[in-house]
Amino acid sequence: MNGFETFLLDAAKYGIWDIISVLVLFFSFLIILRFLFFPFYSIRNLNFYITHQRDNSNYPSKLIIEIRNFTNKNLVLSNTYFKSKKLIPHPNARGDTALRKYELKFDPNYTSPDCLIIHGNNCTTWFPIDPNQTDAAIQAILNPPRIGFWFFKCTPKIAGTFHCKCTFLSKKPRTVRLIRRY
């Protein structure tokens, strides 16, 4: 018997193959759990652009969220809401005010809770901000100073979070939860 055959016999005798099998099953379970229950924080080529705007409408101060789809697939956004952190919502904003979750609407009249984004196109939604909050304060929230060391700097995300379900339309539709921090 050579050394390799001896190793295989000793591994079987001491249960190493059982340990390896358990480890493979455990890590496979963790990977499946990740994709089923934990959200994504970005989707490649699904681009978000946010800006602040003031106008003379019922909600004069708005956070405009533009979503661009360059994923090579059509997708549907559903169950969308904005969870406010430091941005103060308009007093008439609709949603669960106790949890600070505010609904977002799409289409040209902003009445539809879902949005189909064809590859190469975009859609826009907005979140109403309290008009008493100054532009300087809103810009400070949207563009906070970078913190960290000279070799590692990060920008804290303190405005709020955009939540949605993205369903990619294909022969086998795939749905993922997406959370974007601002």
Protein backbone atom coordinates (compact mmCIF):
# COMPACT_ATOMS: atom_id res chain seq x y z
CA MET A 1 0.00 0.00 0.00
CA ASN A 2 1.28 3.44 -0.87
CA GLY A 3 0.96 6.58 1.27
CA PHE A 4 -2.13 7.90 -0.46
CA GLU A 5 -4.12 4.70 0.10
CA THR A 6 -3.04 4.72 3.75
CA PHE A 7 -4.25 8.31 4.06
CA LEU A 8 -7.64 7.43 2.58
CA LEU A 9 -8.07 4.47 4.94
CA ASP A 10 -7.04 6.53 7.98
CA ALA A 11 -9.41 9.33 6.93
CA ALA A 12 -12.28 6.87 6.71
CA LYS A 13 -11.34 5.30 10.03
CA TYR A 14 -11.30 8.63 11.91
CA GLY A 15 -14.40 10.10 10.24
CA ILE A 16 -12.72 12.93 8.34
CA TRP A 17 -15.01 12.35 5.34
CA ASP A 18 -18.01 12.81 7.61
CA ILE A 19 -16.61 16.10 8.87
CA ILE A 20 -15.95 17.30 5.30
CA SER A 21 -19.51 16.35 4.29
CA VAL A 22 -20.98 18.27 7.23
CA LEU A 23 -18.87 21.34 6.40
CA VAL A 24 -19.92 21.27 2.73
CA LEU A 25 -23.60 20.97 3.72
CA PHE A 26 -23.26 23.76 6.29
CA PHE A 27 -21.65 26.24 3.88
CA SER A 28 -24.16 25.33 1.16
CA PHE A 29 -26.95 26.03 3.64
CA LEU A 30 -25.43 29.43 4.47
CA ILE A 31 -25.21 30.37 0.79
CA ILE A 32 -28.83 29.37 0.17
CA LEU A 33 -29.92 31.25 3.30
CA ARG A 34 -28.13 34.37 2.07
CA PHE A 35 -29.96 34.42 -1.25
CA LEU A 36 -33.37 33.61 0.22
CA PHE A 37 -33.58 35.87 3.25
CA PHE A 38 -30.97 38.63 3.11
CA PRO A 39 -31.27 41.63 0.79
CA PHE A 40 -28.87 42.88 -1.85
CA TYR A 41 -27.38 46.33 -1.42
CA SER A 42 -26.62 46.83 -5.09
CA ILE A 43 -27.42 45.19 -8.39
CA ARG A 44 -24.86 45.51 -11.14
CA ASN A 45 -25.90 48.08 -13.78
CA LEU A 46 -29.04 49.13 -11.92
CA ASN A 47 -28.05 52.73 -11.28
CA PHE A 48 -29.60 55.20 -8.84
CA TYR A 49 -29.29 58.96 -9.00
CA ILE A 50 -30.72 61.17 -6.26
CA THR A 51 -31.11 64.91 -6.15
CA HIS A 52 -33.04 67.53 -4.20
CA GLN A 53 -35.56 69.80 -5.92
CA ARG A 54 -37.83 72.67 -4.87
CA ASP A 55 -40.89 73.79 -6.85
CA ASN A 56 -44.33 75.35 -6.36
CA SER A 57 -46.42 72.19 -5.95
CA ASN A 58 -48.30 70.68 -3.00
CA TYR A 59 -45.00 69.17 -1.86
CA PRO A 60 -42.49 71.95 -2.58
CA SER A 61 -39.36 70.11 -1.39
CA LYS A 62 -38.65 66.67 -2.86
CA LEU A 63 -35.94 64.06 -2.96
CA ILE A 64 -35.95 62.88 -6.60
CA ILE A 65 -34.85 59.26 -7.13
CA GLU A 66 -34.05 58.25 -10.71
CA ILE A 67 -33.48 54.55 -11.41
CA ARG A 68 -31.71 53.51 -14.63
CA ASN A 69 -31.80 49.93 -15.90
CA PHE A 70 -28.73 48.72 -17.82
CA THR A 71 -28.90 45.10 -16.57
CA ASN A 72 -29.70 43.58 -20.02
CA LYS A 73 -33.06 42.42 -18.60
CA ASN A 74 -36.41 44.07 -18.10
CA LEU A 75 -37.36 44.38 -14.46
CA VAL A 76 -40.31 45.25 -12.26
CA LEU A 77 -39.91 47.26 -9.06
CA SER A 78 -42.56 46.50 -6.46
CA ASN A 79 -43.14 46.95 -2.71
CA THR A 80 -41.18 50.20 -2.83
CA TYR A 81 -40.84 52.53 0.13
CA PHE A 82 -38.39 55.03 1.55
CA LYS A 83 -37.38 54.73 5.19
CA SER A 84 -36.36 58.14 6.45
CA LYS A 85 -33.48 58.61 8.88
CA LYS A 86 -32.34 62.25 9.06
CA LEU A 87 -34.54 63.69 6.32
CA ILE A 88 -37.73 65.08 7.83
CA PRO A 89 -40.73 63.97 5.76
CA HIS A 90 -43.49 66.33 4.73
CA PRO A 91 -46.35 66.36 7.30
CA ASN A 92 -48.75 65.02 4.63
CA ALA A 93 -46.44 62.24 3.40
CA ARG A 94 -48.24 58.90 3.09
CA GLY A 95 -46.99 55.74 4.73
CA ASP A 96 -46.33 54.20 8.12
CA THR A 97 -45.28 57.27 10.06
CA ALA A 98 -44.51 55.36 13.27
CA LEU A 99 -41.84 53.31 11.47
CA ARG A 100 -40.88 56.24 9.19
CA LYS A 101 -41.63 54.14 6.08
CA TYR A 102 -43.13 56.24 3.30
CA GLU A 103 -44.64 54.92 0.08
CA LEU A 104 -43.20 55.76 -3.32
CA LYS A 105 -45.22 55.96 -6.54
CA PHE A 106 -44.22 55.70 -10.20
CA ASP A 107 -45.55 56.45 -13.71
CA PRO A 108 -46.05 59.96 -15.14
CA ASN A 109 -48.75 60.85 -12.60
CA TYR A 110 -47.08 59.11 -9.64
CA THR A 111 -50.05 56.87 -8.89
CA SER A 112 -48.73 53.35 -9.54
CA PRO A 113 -46.93 51.48 -6.72
CA ASP A 114 -45.08 49.25 -9.25
CA CYS A 115 -42.82 50.14 -12.15
CA LEU A 116 -41.69 48.21 -15.23
CA ILE A 117 -38.27 49.38 -16.39
CA ILE A 118 -37.31 48.18 -19.86
CA HIS A 119 -33.56 47.63 -20.42
CA GLY A 120 -31.95 50.96 -21.30
CA ASN A 121 -34.79 53.06 -19.83
CA ASN A 122 -35.30 54.74 -16.50
CA CYS A 123 -38.06 55.66 -14.07
CA THR A 124 -38.39 58.41 -11.53
CA THR A 125 -40.05 58.67 -8.13
CA TRP A 126 -39.85 61.17 -5.31
CA PHE A 127 -40.00 61.44 -1.54
CA PRO A 128 -41.61 64.60 -0.02
CA ILE A 129 -39.40 66.51 2.41
CA ASP A 130 -40.58 68.99 5.03
CA PRO A 131 -40.47 72.45 3.37
CA ASN A 132 -39.18 74.02 6.60
CA GLN A 133 -35.95 72.04 6.29
CA THR A 134 -33.41 74.35 4.64
CA ASP A 135 -31.60 73.51 1.42
CA ALA A 136 -28.26 73.73 3.23
CA ALA A 137 -29.41 71.19 5.84
CA ILE A 138 -30.71 68.83 3.14
CA GLN A 139 -27.46 69.07 1.18
CA ALA A 140 -25.48 68.41 4.38
CA ILE A 141 -27.56 65.25 4.91
CA LEU A 142 -27.27 64.10 1.29
CA ASN A 143 -23.53 64.89 1.04
CA PRO A 144 -22.02 64.33 4.49
CA PRO A 145 -18.27 64.77 4.96
CA ARG A 146 -16.08 61.75 4.37
CA ILE A 147 -14.72 60.17 7.51
CA GLY A 148 -11.81 57.85 8.13
CA PHE A 149 -8.06 57.74 7.65
CA TRP A 150 -6.10 59.03 4.67
CA PHE A 151 -5.91 55.51 3.17
CA PHE A 152 -9.51 54.53 3.93
CA LYS A 153 -12.32 57.04 3.73
CA CYS A 154 -16.03 56.37 3.63
CA THR A 155 -19.14 58.49 3.38
CA PRO A 156 -21.78 57.71 6.00
CA LYS A 157 -25.28 57.10 4.64
CA ILE A 158 -27.62 59.08 6.88
CA ALA A 159 -30.51 60.37 4.72
CA GLY A 160 -32.52 57.15 4.59
CA THR A 161 -32.94 53.86 2.75
CA PHE A 162 -34.78 52.93 -0.45
CA HIS A 163 -36.40 49.47 -0.24
CA CYS A 164 -37.90 47.46 -3.11
CA LYS A 165 -38.35 44.03 -4.66
CA CYS A 166 -36.75 43.67 -8.10
CA THR A 167 -38.18 40.98 -10.37
CA PHE A 168 -36.03 40.30 -13.43
CA LEU A 169 -38.24 39.24 -16.32
CA SER A 170 -36.92 36.27 -18.32
CA LYS A 171 -37.88 32.65 -18.93
CA LYS A 172 -37.14 32.04 -15.26
CA PRO A 173 -38.09 35.24 -13.40
CA ARG A 174 -35.87 35.99 -10.42
CA THR A 175 -36.88 38.21 -7.51
CA VAL A 176 -34.45 39.85 -5.08
CA ARG A 177 -34.90 42.36 -2.29
CA LEU A 178 -32.87 45.52 -2.74
CA ILE A 179 -31.96 48.11 -0.11
CA ARG A 180 -30.08 51.27 -1.12
CA ARG A 181 -28.67 53.52 1.60
CA TYR A 182 -28.37 57.27 1.11
